[in-house]
Structure formats: structure tokens, C-alpha cells
């Protein structure tokens, strides 16, 4: 169970890092437009990204993006959710009808 918690934390940190990078994509260009050199703009963008990641991670703001569920139940909850979607689509589209229509179009 300790490994599962470790991997869940790594996944959360990677997600926070990705969100910080995506949120700061315009910092570099904006700094260049305001007259910064390429090196200064790169340092500003890096600092902004690291700052956003740190605030999200260490102040707990990033936790609002993740389920508070125990990691051992995360897979089960995801599987149940996907099974529900599949069942809903099968009921909505009549099950085998979907496959038949795809085969006829091909």
C-alpha cells in the first residue's frame, strides 16, 4: 500500500507541474514584448512556473483538483465510472446497433 500512495503522490505532483506549465505559457512571450531579453524572459517564465507549482503543492491549493479518496479505491471508482458510461451508451444506442452501423459505413 505504501507504493501505491507513493505513485499516487508522484502522479499528483506531475499533474500540478503540468498545470503550472500550461498556466504560464504566455509569461515568456509577454516578457519579450515588454522588452526583456530572451534569457531574462526564460528566467521569469521558469520562476513563475516554479512559483505556481510550489504554491499549489505546499499550500495545499492543488489538492482541490484531486479526489480525497484513498488511493486503493481510485482504480475501482474509475472502473465503475467507465462501466457506467459504457452501460449508458449501450442503452442509448441499442448495443449491437452501434457496431453494425460502423461496419456498414466502412
PDB file of N, CA and C in Angstrom:
ATOM      1  N   UNK A   1       0.819  -1.193   0.000  1.00  0.00           N
ATOM      2  CA  UNK A   1       0.000   0.000   0.000  1.00  0.00           C
ATOM      3  C   UNK A   1       0.862   1.255   0.000  1.00  0.00           C
ATOM      4  N   UNK A   2       2.048   1.159   0.598  1.00  0.00           N
ATOM      5  CA  UNK A   2       2.939   2.310   0.639  1.00  0.00           C
ATOM      6  C   UNK A   2       3.375   2.709  -0.766  1.00  0.00           C
ATOM      7  N   UNK A   3       3.618   1.717  -1.632  1.00  0.00           N
ATOM      8  CA  UNK A   3       3.998   2.007  -3.012  1.00  0.00           C
ATOM      9  C   UNK A   3       2.875   2.706  -3.761  1.00  0.00           C
ATOM     10  N   UNK A   4       1.663   2.276  -3.516  1.00  0.00           N
ATOM     11  CA  UNK A   4       0.514   2.876  -4.187  1.00  0.00           C
ATOM     12  C   UNK A   4       0.368   4.349  -3.798  1.00  0.00           C
ATOM     13  N   UNK A   5       0.542   4.646  -2.530  1.00  0.00           N
ATOM     14  CA  UNK A   5       0.488   6.042  -2.076  1.00  0.00           C
ATOM     15  C   UNK A   5       1.608   6.865  -2.699  1.00  0.00           C
ATOM     16  N   UNK A   6       2.789   6.254  -2.799  1.00  0.00           N
ATOM     17  CA  UNK A   6       3.934   6.937  -3.396  1.00  0.00           C
ATOM     18  C   UNK A   6       3.650   7.269  -4.863  1.00  0.00           C
ATOM     19  N   UNK A   7       3.131   6.293  -5.605  1.00  0.00           N
ATOM     20  CA  UNK A   7       2.824   6.515  -7.023  1.00  0.00           C
ATOM     21  C   UNK A   7       1.687   7.516  -7.204  1.00  0.00           C
ATOM     22  N   UNK A   8       0.716   7.485  -6.310  1.00  0.00           N
ATOM     23  CA  UNK A   8      -0.373   8.454  -6.380  1.00  0.00           C
ATOM     24  C   UNK A   8       0.161   9.865  -6.156  1.00  0.00           C
ATOM     25  N   UNK A   9       1.078  10.018  -5.213  1.00  0.00           N
ATOM     26  CA  UNK A   9       1.682  11.336  -4.939  1.00  0.00           C
ATOM     27  C   UNK A   9       2.508  11.809  -6.126  1.00  0.00           C
ATOM     28  N   UNK A  10       3.252  10.899  -6.749  1.00  0.00           N
ATOM     29  CA  UNK A  10       4.039  11.265  -7.931  1.00  0.00           C
ATOM     30  C   UNK A  10       3.108  11.728  -9.049  1.00  0.00           C
ATOM     31  N   UNK A  11       2.013  11.019  -9.243  1.00  0.00           N
ATOM     32  CA  UNK A  11       1.033  11.408 -10.264  1.00  0.00           C
ATOM     33  C   UNK A  11       0.430  12.773  -9.971  1.00  0.00           C
ATOM     34  N   UNK A  12       0.139  13.034  -8.720  1.00  0.00           N
ATOM     35  CA  UNK A  12      -0.408  14.343  -8.343  1.00  0.00           C
ATOM     36  C   UNK A  12       0.615  15.453  -8.587  1.00  0.00           C
ATOM     37  N   UNK A  13       1.879  15.192  -8.248  1.00  0.00           N
ATOM     38  CA  UNK A  13       2.920  16.193  -8.467  1.00  0.00           C
ATOM     39  C   UNK A  13       3.124  16.461  -9.958  1.00  0.00           C
ATOM     40  N   UNK A  14       3.097  15.412 -10.763  1.00  0.00           N
ATOM     41  CA  UNK A  14       3.215  15.595 -12.210  1.00  0.00           C
ATOM     42  C   UNK A  14       2.042  16.403 -12.757  1.00  0.00           C
ATOM     43  N   UNK A  15       0.857  16.145 -12.248  1.00  0.00           N
ATOM     44  CA  UNK A  15      -0.321  16.899 -12.679  1.00  0.00           C
ATOM     45  C   UNK A  15      -0.204  18.372 -12.302  1.00  0.00           C
ATOM     46  N   UNK A  16       0.261  18.632 -11.087  1.00  0.00           N
ATOM     47  CA  UNK A  16       0.456  20.024 -10.666  1.00  0.00           C
ATOM     48  C   UNK A  16       1.508  20.711 -11.522  1.00  0.00           C
ATOM     49  N   UNK A  17       2.578  19.995 -11.845  1.00  0.00           N
ATOM     50  CA  UNK A  17       3.616  20.546 -12.703  1.00  0.00           C
ATOM     51  C   UNK A  17       3.081  20.878 -14.081  1.00  0.00           C
ATOM     52  N   UNK A  18       2.290  19.967 -14.629  1.00  0.00           N
ATOM     53  CA  UNK A  18       1.689  20.199 -15.942  1.00  0.00           C
ATOM     54  C   UNK A  18       0.765  21.423 -15.907  1.00  0.00           C
ATOM     55  N   UNK A  19      -0.056  21.524 -14.864  1.00  0.00           N
ATOM     56  CA  UNK A  19      -0.962  22.679 -14.746  1.00  0.00           C
ATOM     57  C   UNK A  19      -0.167  23.977 -14.630  1.00  0.00           C
ATOM     58  N   UNK A  20       0.949  23.957 -13.897  1.00  0.00           N
ATOM     59  CA  UNK A  20       1.772  25.158 -13.753  1.00  0.00           C
ATOM     60  C   UNK A  20       2.386  25.551 -15.093  1.00  0.00           C
ATOM     61  N   UNK A  21       2.861  24.574 -15.855  1.00  0.00           N
ATOM     62  CA  UNK A  21       3.455  24.867 -17.159  1.00  0.00           C
ATOM     63  C   UNK A  21       2.414  25.437 -18.107  1.00  0.00           C
ATOM     64  N   UNK A  22       1.259  24.798 -18.172  1.00  0.00           N
ATOM     65  CA  UNK A  22       0.202  25.260 -19.071  1.00  0.00           C
ATOM     66  C   UNK A  22      -0.278  26.660 -18.677  1.00  0.00           C
ATOM     67  N   UNK A  23      -0.367  26.918 -17.394  1.00  0.00           N
ATOM     68  CA  UNK A  23      -0.851  28.215 -16.918  1.00  0.00           C
ATOM     69  C   UNK A  23       0.145  29.341 -17.177  1.00  0.00           C
ATOM     70  N   UNK A  24       1.403  29.003 -17.395  1.00  0.00           N
ATOM     71  CA  UNK A  24       2.439  30.025 -17.561  1.00  0.00           C
ATOM     72  C   UNK A  24       3.013  30.078 -18.974  1.00  0.00           C
ATOM     73  N   UNK A  25       2.315  29.544 -19.941  1.00  0.00           N
ATOM     74  CA  UNK A  25       2.856  29.517 -21.306  1.00  0.00           C
ATOM     75  C   UNK A  25       3.015  30.907 -21.900  1.00  0.00           C
ATOM     76  N   UNK A  26       2.247  31.857 -21.469  1.00  0.00           N
ATOM     77  CA  UNK A  26       2.312  33.202 -22.050  1.00  0.00           C
ATOM     78  C   UNK A  26       3.320  34.119 -21.345  1.00  0.00           C
ATOM     79  N   UNK A  27       3.899  33.703 -20.243  1.00  0.00           N
ATOM     80  CA  UNK A  27       4.818  34.553 -19.490  1.00  0.00           C
ATOM     81  C   UNK A  27       6.045  34.902 -20.336  1.00  0.00           C
ATOM     82  N   UNK A  28       6.618  33.924 -20.998  1.00  0.00           N
ATOM     83  CA  UNK A  28       7.820  34.145 -21.814  1.00  0.00           C
ATOM     84  C   UNK A  28       7.549  35.192 -22.898  1.00  0.00           C
ATOM     85  N   UNK A  29       6.474  34.987 -23.654  1.00  0.00           N
ATOM     86  CA  UNK A  29       6.148  35.908 -24.746  1.00  0.00           C
ATOM     87  C   UNK A  29       5.831  37.311 -24.227  1.00  0.00           C
ATOM     88  N   UNK A  30       5.109  37.393 -23.147  1.00  0.00           N
ATOM     89  CA  UNK A  30       4.770  38.696 -22.568  1.00  0.00           C
ATOM     90  C   UNK A  30       6.028  39.432 -22.113  1.00  0.00           C
ATOM     91  N   UNK A  31       6.962  38.710 -21.503  1.00  0.00           N
ATOM     92  CA  UNK A  31       8.213  39.331 -21.060  1.00  0.00           C
ATOM     93  C   UNK A  31       9.001  39.866 -22.252  1.00  0.00           C
ATOM     94  N   UNK A  32       9.040  39.104 -23.346  1.00  0.00           N
ATOM     95  CA  UNK A  32       9.732  39.580 -24.553  1.00  0.00           C
ATOM     96  C   UNK A  32       9.069  40.846 -25.103  1.00  0.00           C
ATOM     97  N   UNK A  33       7.752  40.844 -25.117  1.00  0.00           N
ATOM     98  CA  UNK A  33       7.014  42.010 -25.623  1.00  0.00           C
ATOM     99  C   UNK A  33       7.261  43.258 -24.773  1.00  0.00           C
ATOM    100  N   UNK A  34       7.529  43.070 -23.497  1.00  0.00           N
ATOM    101  CA  UNK A  34       7.763  44.201 -22.587  1.00  0.00           C
ATOM    102  C   UNK A  34       9.228  44.632 -22.572  1.00  0.00           C
ATOM    103  N   UNK A  35      10.071  43.986 -23.410  1.00  0.00           N
ATOM    104  CA  UNK A  35      11.448  44.429 -23.544  1.00  0.00           C
ATOM    105  C   UNK A  35      12.498  43.592 -22.841  1.00  0.00           C
ATOM    106  N   UNK A  36      12.155  42.478 -22.283  1.00  0.00           N
ATOM    107  CA  UNK A  36      13.140  41.617 -21.626  1.00  0.00           C
ATOM    108  C   UNK A  36      13.965  40.883 -22.688  1.00  0.00           C
ATOM    109  N   UNK A  37      15.175  40.515 -22.328  1.00  0.00           N
ATOM    110  CA  UNK A  37      15.983  39.699 -23.230  1.00  0.00           C
ATOM    111  C   UNK A  37      15.455  38.269 -23.194  1.00  0.00           C
ATOM    112  N   UNK A  38      15.915  37.437 -24.117  1.00  0.00           N
ATOM    113  CA  UNK A  38      15.454  36.038 -24.134  1.00  0.00           C
ATOM    114  C   UNK A  38      15.819  35.322 -22.831  1.00  0.00           C
ATOM    115  N   UNK A  39      17.014  35.580 -22.325  1.00  0.00           N
ATOM    116  CA  UNK A  39      17.443  34.958 -21.069  1.00  0.00           C
ATOM    117  C   UNK A  39      16.606  35.415 -19.886  1.00  0.00           C
ATOM    118  N   UNK A  40      16.350  36.722 -19.826  1.00  0.00           N
ATOM    119  CA  UNK A  40      15.515  37.245 -18.741  1.00  0.00           C
ATOM    120  C   UNK A  40      14.095  36.695 -18.822  1.00  0.00           C
ATOM    121  N   UNK A  41      13.567  36.626 -20.044  1.00  0.00           N
ATOM    122  CA  UNK A  41      12.215  36.095 -20.225  1.00  0.00           C
ATOM    123  C   UNK A  41      12.152  34.629 -19.805  1.00  0.00           C
ATOM    124  N   UNK A  42      13.183  33.863 -20.145  1.00  0.00           N
ATOM    125  CA  UNK A  42      13.223  32.443 -19.766  1.00  0.00           C
ATOM    126  C   UNK A  42      13.269  32.289 -18.247  1.00  0.00           C
ATOM    127  N   UNK A  43      14.077  33.119 -17.579  1.00  0.00           N
ATOM    128  CA  UNK A  43      14.147  33.051 -16.118  1.00  0.00           C
ATOM    129  C   UNK A  43      12.828  33.453 -15.466  1.00  0.00           C
ATOM    130  N   UNK A  44      12.174  34.465 -16.030  1.00  0.00           N
ATOM    131  CA  UNK A  44      10.861  34.866 -15.500  1.00  0.00           C
ATOM    132  C   UNK A  44       9.846  33.743 -15.653  1.00  0.00           C
ATOM    133  N   UNK A  45       9.838  33.120 -16.833  1.00  0.00           N
ATOM    134  CA  UNK A  45       8.885  32.029 -17.075  1.00  0.00           C
ATOM    135  C   UNK A  45       9.167  30.849 -16.151  1.00  0.00           C
ATOM    136  N   UNK A  46      10.450  30.515 -15.991  1.00  0.00           N
ATOM    137  CA  UNK A  46      10.819  29.415 -15.091  1.00  0.00           C
ATOM    138  C   UNK A  46      10.424  29.743 -13.653  1.00  0.00           C
ATOM    139  N   UNK A  47      10.736  30.955 -13.218  1.00  0.00           N
ATOM    140  CA  UNK A  47      10.384  31.360 -11.847  1.00  0.00           C
ATOM    141  C   UNK A  47       8.886  31.355 -11.616  1.00  0.00           C
ATOM    142  N   UNK A  48       8.148  31.813 -12.602  1.00  0.00           N
ATOM    143  CA  UNK A  48       6.690  31.835 -12.484  1.00  0.00           C
ATOM    144  C   UNK A  48       6.121  30.424 -12.391  1.00  0.00           C
ATOM    145  N   UNK A  49       6.662  29.527 -13.211  1.00  0.00           N
ATOM    146  CA  UNK A  49       6.183  28.140 -13.209  1.00  0.00           C
ATOM    147  C   UNK A  49       6.519  27.443 -11.891  1.00  0.00           C
ATOM    148  N   UNK A  50       7.768  27.612 -11.442  1.00  0.00           N
ATOM    149  CA  UNK A  50       8.175  27.002 -10.172  1.00  0.00           C
ATOM    150  C   UNK A  50       7.360  27.587  -9.016  1.00  0.00           C
ATOM    151  N   UNK A  51       7.129  28.889  -9.052  1.00  0.00           N
ATOM    152  CA  UNK A  51       6.337  29.531  -8.005  1.00  0.00           C
ATOM    153  C   UNK A  51       4.914  29.005  -7.959  1.00  0.00           C
ATOM    154  N   UNK A  52       4.299  28.869  -9.134  1.00  0.00           N
ATOM    155  CA  UNK A  52       2.923  28.373  -9.166  1.00  0.00           C
ATOM    156  C   UNK A  52       2.853  26.929  -8.668  1.00  0.00           C
ATOM    157  N   UNK A  53       3.816  26.093  -9.105  1.00  0.00           N
ATOM    158  CA  UNK A  53       3.853  24.705  -8.642  1.00  0.00           C
ATOM    159  C   UNK A  53       4.008  24.659  -7.126  1.00  0.00           C
ATOM    160  N   UNK A  54       4.923  25.466  -6.592  1.00  0.00           N
ATOM    161  CA  UNK A  54       5.184  25.466  -5.150  1.00  0.00           C
ATOM    162  C   UNK A  54       3.968  25.905  -4.347  1.00  0.00           C
ATOM    163  N   UNK A  55       3.314  26.946  -4.809  1.00  0.00           N
ATOM    164  CA  UNK A  55       2.119  27.421  -4.102  1.00  0.00           C
ATOM    165  C   UNK A  55       1.041  26.344  -4.117  1.00  0.00           C
ATOM    166  N   UNK A  56       0.814  25.752  -5.283  1.00  0.00           N
ATOM    167  CA  UNK A  56      -0.207  24.706  -5.380  1.00  0.00           C
ATOM    168  C   UNK A  56       0.119  23.511  -4.493  1.00  0.00           C
ATOM    169  N   UNK A  57       1.383  23.088  -4.503  1.00  0.00           N
ATOM    170  CA  UNK A  57       1.767  21.893  -3.757  1.00  0.00           C
ATOM    171  C   UNK A  57       1.867  22.136  -2.247  1.00  0.00           C
ATOM    172  N   UNK A  58       2.600  23.168  -1.856  1.00  0.00           N
ATOM    173  CA  UNK A  58       2.920  23.321  -0.435  1.00  0.00           C
ATOM    174  C   UNK A  58       1.880  24.095   0.363  1.00  0.00           C
ATOM    175  N   UNK A  59       1.020  24.822  -0.296  1.00  0.00           N
ATOM    176  CA  UNK A  59      -0.075  25.476   0.418  1.00  0.00           C
ATOM    177  C   UNK A  59      -1.363  24.658   0.333  1.00  0.00           C
ATOM    178  N   UNK A  60      -1.286  23.544  -0.389  1.00  0.00           N
ATOM    179  CA  UNK A  60      -2.438  22.657  -0.478  1.00  0.00           C
ATOM    180  C   UNK A  60      -3.502  23.104  -1.463  1.00  0.00           C
ATOM    181  N   UNK A  61      -3.227  24.148  -2.239  1.00  0.00           N
ATOM    182  CA  UNK A  61      -4.233  24.616  -3.192  1.00  0.00           C
ATOM    183  C   UNK A  61      -4.467  23.599  -4.308  1.00  0.00           C
ATOM    184  N   UNK A  62      -3.441  22.830  -4.649  1.00  0.00           N
ATOM    185  CA  UNK A  62      -3.589  21.827  -5.699  1.00  0.00           C
ATOM    186  C   UNK A  62      -4.462  20.657  -5.296  1.00  0.00           C
ATOM    187  N   UNK A  63      -4.643  20.464  -4.002  1.00  0.00           N
ATOM    188  CA  UNK A  63      -5.438  19.327  -3.530  1.00  0.00           C
ATOM    189  C   UNK A  63      -6.899  19.420  -3.962  1.00  0.00           C
ATOM    190  N   UNK A  64      -7.381  20.614  -4.256  1.00  0.00           N
ATOM    191  CA  UNK A  64      -8.774  20.741  -4.671  1.00  0.00           C
ATOM    192  C   UNK A  64      -9.016  20.092  -6.029  1.00  0.00           C
ATOM    193  N   UNK A  65      -7.927  19.796  -6.768  1.00  0.00           N
ATOM    194  CA  UNK A  65      -8.064  19.185  -8.081  1.00  0.00           C
ATOM    195  C   UNK A  65      -8.080  17.657  -8.010  1.00  0.00           C
ATOM    196  N   UNK A  66      -7.799  17.093  -6.853  1.00  0.00           N
ATOM    197  CA  UNK A  66      -7.702  15.643  -6.729  1.00  0.00           C
ATOM    198  C   UNK A  66      -8.765  15.099  -5.789  1.00  0.00           C
ATOM    199  N   UNK A  67      -9.168  13.864  -6.040  1.00  0.00           N
ATOM    200  CA  UNK A  67     -10.089  13.190  -5.131  1.00  0.00           C
ATOM    201  C   UNK A  67      -9.412  12.974  -3.789  1.00  0.00           C
ATOM    202  N   UNK A  68     -10.187  13.118  -2.756  1.00  0.00           N
ATOM    203  CA  UNK A  68      -9.654  12.857  -1.419  1.00  0.00           C
ATOM    204  C   UNK A  68      -9.737  11.373  -1.090  1.00  0.00           C
ATOM    205  N   UNK A  69     -10.164  10.573  -2.049  1.00  0.00           N
ATOM    206  CA  UNK A  69     -10.356   9.148  -1.824  1.00  0.00           C
ATOM    207  C   UNK A  69      -9.023   8.450  -1.561  1.00  0.00           C
ATOM    208  N   UNK A  70      -9.116   7.376  -0.840  1.00  0.00           N
ATOM    209  CA  UNK A  70      -7.964   6.535  -0.587  1.00  0.00           C
ATOM    210  C   UNK A  70      -7.489   5.957  -1.926  1.00  0.00           C
ATOM    211  N   UNK A  71      -6.175   5.998  -2.202  1.00  0.00           N
ATOM    212  CA  UNK A  71      -5.682   5.521  -3.499  1.00  0.00           C
ATOM    213  C   UNK A  71      -6.094   4.099  -3.849  1.00  0.00           C
ATOM    214  N   UNK A  72      -6.299   3.243  -2.840  1.00  0.00           N
ATOM    215  CA  UNK A  72      -6.657   1.869  -3.162  1.00  0.00           C
ATOM    216  C   UNK A  72      -8.050   1.768  -3.789  1.00  0.00           C
ATOM    217  N   UNK A  73      -8.871   2.810  -3.610  1.00  0.00           N
ATOM    218  CA  UNK A  73     -10.201   2.802  -4.194  1.00  0.00           C
ATOM    219  C   UNK A  73     -10.292   3.616  -5.491  1.00  0.00           C
ATOM    220  N   UNK A  74      -9.222   4.336  -5.839  1.00  0.00           N
ATOM    221  CA  UNK A  74      -9.252   5.178  -7.033  1.00  0.00           C
ATOM    222  C   UNK A  74      -9.485   4.363  -8.297  1.00  0.00           C
ATOM    223  N   UNK A  75      -8.766   3.248  -8.444  1.00  0.00           N
ATOM    224  CA  UNK A  75      -8.929   2.407  -9.627  1.00  0.00           C
ATOM    225  C   UNK A  75     -10.349   1.864  -9.695  1.00  0.00           C
ATOM    226  N   UNK A  76     -10.836   1.410  -8.570  1.00  0.00           N
ATOM    227  CA  UNK A  76     -12.195   0.851  -8.524  1.00  0.00           C
ATOM    228  C   UNK A  76     -13.234   1.904  -8.903  1.00  0.00           C
ATOM    229  N   UNK A  77     -13.095   3.115  -8.381  1.00  0.00           N
ATOM    230  CA  UNK A  77     -14.044   4.183  -8.683  1.00  0.00           C
ATOM    231  C   UNK A  77     -13.994   4.548 -10.166  1.00  0.00           C
ATOM    232  N   UNK A  78     -12.797   4.603 -10.723  1.00  0.00           N
ATOM    233  CA  UNK A  78     -12.654   4.915 -12.148  1.00  0.00           C
ATOM    234  C   UNK A  78     -13.268   3.812 -12.997  1.00  0.00           C
ATOM    235  N   UNK A  79     -13.019   2.565 -12.639  1.00  0.00           N
ATOM    236  CA  UNK A  79     -13.581   1.443 -13.394  1.00  0.00           C
ATOM    237  C   UNK A  79     -15.106   1.451 -13.332  1.00  0.00           C
ATOM    238  N   UNK A  80     -15.661   1.738 -12.160  1.00  0.00           N
ATOM    239  CA  UNK A  80     -17.118   1.798 -12.037  1.00  0.00           C
ATOM    240  C   UNK A  80     -17.696   2.935 -12.868  1.00  0.00           C
ATOM    241  N   UNK A  81     -17.017   4.060 -12.879  1.00  0.00           N
ATOM    242  CA  UNK A  81     -17.476   5.213 -13.659  1.00  0.00           C
ATOM    243  C   UNK A  81     -17.474   4.892 -15.152  1.00  0.00           C
ATOM    244  N   UNK A  82     -16.404   4.273 -15.622  1.00  0.00           N
ATOM    245  CA  UNK A  82     -16.313   3.914 -17.040  1.00  0.00           C
ATOM    246  C   UNK A  82     -17.349   2.844 -17.398  1.00  0.00           C
ATOM    247  N   UNK A  83     -17.563   1.886 -16.516  1.00  0.00           N
ATOM    248  CA  UNK A  83     -18.578   0.865 -16.763  1.00  0.00           C
ATOM    249  C   UNK A  83     -19.957   1.504 -16.867  1.00  0.00           C
ATOM    250  N   UNK A  84     -20.215   2.503 -16.035  1.00  0.00           N
ATOM    251  CA  UNK A  84     -21.486   3.222 -16.105  1.00  0.00           C
ATOM    252  C   UNK A  84     -21.653   3.938 -17.431  1.00  0.00           C
ATOM    253  N   UNK A  85     -20.580   4.542 -17.919  1.00  0.00           N
ATOM    254  CA  UNK A  85     -20.646   5.223 -19.218  1.00  0.00           C
ATOM    255  C   UNK A  85     -20.905   4.238 -20.350  1.00  0.00           C
ATOM    256  N   UNK A  86     -20.248   3.110 -20.296  1.00  0.00           N
ATOM    257  CA  UNK A  86     -20.441   2.086 -21.332  1.00  0.00           C
ATOM    258  C   UNK A  86     -21.873   1.584 -21.311  1.00  0.00           C
ATOM    259  N   UNK A  87     -22.380   1.292 -20.127  1.00  0.00           N
ATOM    260  CA  UNK A  87     -23.757   0.820 -19.990  1.00  0.00           C
ATOM    261  C   UNK A  87     -24.736   1.867 -20.506  1.00  0.00           C
ATOM    262  N   UNK A  88     -24.497   3.119 -20.173  1.00  0.00           N
ATOM    263  CA  UNK A  88     -25.368   4.203 -20.628  1.00  0.00           C
ATOM    264  C   UNK A  88     -25.362   4.305 -22.159  1.00  0.00           C
ATOM    265  N   UNK A  89     -24.175   4.217 -22.757  1.00  0.00           N
ATOM    266  CA  UNK A  89     -24.086   4.286 -24.218  1.00  0.00           C
ATOM    267  C   UNK A  89     -24.736   3.080 -24.891  1.00  0.00           C
ATOM    268  N   UNK A  90     -24.567   1.914 -24.298  1.00  0.00           N
ATOM    269  CA  UNK A  90     -25.213   0.726 -24.859  1.00  0.00           C
ATOM    270  C   UNK A  90     -26.731   0.859 -24.813  1.00  0.00           C
ATOM    271  N   UNK A  91     -27.241   1.386 -23.698  1.00  0.00           N
ATOM    272  CA  UNK A  91     -28.684   1.576 -23.579  1.00  0.00           C
ATOM    273  C   UNK A  91     -29.174   2.644 -24.545  1.00  0.00           C
ATOM    274  N   UNK A  92     -28.388   3.686 -24.693  1.00  0.00           N
ATOM    275  CA  UNK A  92     -28.771   4.807 -25.551  1.00  0.00           C
ATOM    276  C   UNK A  92     -28.761   4.420 -27.033  1.00  0.00           C
ATOM    277  N   UNK A  93     -27.754   3.683 -27.445  1.00  0.00           N
ATOM    278  CA  UNK A  93     -27.598   3.372 -28.863  1.00  0.00           C
ATOM    279  C   UNK A  93     -28.027   1.956 -29.237  1.00  0.00           C
ATOM    280  N   UNK A  94     -28.553   1.231 -28.311  1.00  0.00           N
ATOM    281  CA  UNK A  94     -29.093  -0.087 -28.615  1.00  0.00           C
ATOM    282  C   UNK A  94     -28.077  -1.205 -28.707  1.00  0.00           C
ATOM    283  N   UNK A  95     -26.945  -1.049 -28.109  1.00  0.00           N
ATOM    284  CA  UNK A  95     -25.967  -2.129 -28.026  1.00  0.00           C
ATOM    285  C   UNK A  95     -25.321  -2.476 -29.347  1.00  0.00           C
ATOM    286  N   UNK A  96     -25.763  -3.557 -29.964  1.00  0.00           N
ATOM    287  CA  UNK A  96     -25.109  -4.063 -31.170  1.00  0.00           C
ATOM    288  C   UNK A  96     -25.334  -3.166 -32.376  1.00  0.00           C
ATOM    289  N   UNK A  97     -26.327  -2.312 -32.322  1.00  0.00           N
ATOM    290  CA  UNK A  97     -26.621  -1.416 -33.424  1.00  0.00           C
ATOM    291  C   UNK A  97     -25.432  -0.512 -33.739  1.00  0.00           C
ATOM    292  N   UNK A  98     -24.724  -0.080 -32.698  1.00  0.00           N
ATOM    293  CA  UNK A  98     -23.578   0.803 -32.896  1.00  0.00           C
ATOM    294  C   UNK A  98     -22.525   0.120 -33.743  1.00  0.00           C
ATOM    295  N   UNK A  99     -22.176  -1.110 -33.400  1.00  0.00           N
ATOM    296  CA  UNK A  99     -21.170  -1.868 -34.161  1.00  0.00           C
ATOM    297  C   UNK A  99     -21.610  -2.126 -35.579  1.00  0.00           C
ATOM    298  N   UNK A 100     -22.900  -2.393 -35.783  1.00  0.00           N
ATOM    299  CA  UNK A 100     -23.418  -2.670 -37.119  1.00  0.00           C
ATOM    300  C   UNK A 100     -23.323  -1.434 -37.991  1.00  0.00           C
ATOM    301  N   UNK A 101     -23.675  -0.272 -37.450  1.00  0.00           N
ATOM    302  CA  UNK A 101     -23.608   0.960 -38.218  1.00  0.00           C
ATOM    303  C   UNK A 101     -22.181   1.284 -38.606  1.00  0.00           C
ATOM    304  N   UNK A 102     -21.238   1.079 -37.718  1.00  0.00           N
ATOM    305  CA  UNK A 102     -19.846   1.349 -38.011  1.00  0.00           C
ATOM    306  C   UNK A 102     -19.363   0.410 -39.114  1.00  0.00           C
ATOM    307  N   UNK A 103     -19.735  -0.866 -39.015  1.00  0.00           N
ATOM    308  CA  UNK A 103     -19.312  -1.841 -40.018  1.00  0.00           C
ATOM    309  C   UNK A 103     -19.914  -1.511 -41.393  1.00  0.00           C
ATOM    310  N   UNK A 104     -21.147  -1.055 -41.443  1.00  0.00           N
ATOM    311  CA  UNK A 104     -21.785  -0.734 -42.717  1.00  0.00           C
ATOM    312  C   UNK A 104     -21.166   0.509 -43.339  1.00  0.00           C
ATOM    313  N   UNK A 105     -20.716   1.473 -42.507  1.00  0.00           N
ATOM    314  CA  UNK A 105     -20.121   2.684 -43.049  1.00  0.00           C
ATOM    315  C   UNK A 105     -18.741   2.415 -43.634  1.00  0.00           C
ATOM    316  N   UNK A 106     -18.039   1.427 -43.126  1.00  0.00           N
ATOM    317  CA  UNK A 106     -16.666   1.148 -43.565  1.00  0.00           C
ATOM    318  C   UNK A 106     -16.585   0.474 -44.876  1.00  0.00           C
TER     319      UNK A 106
END
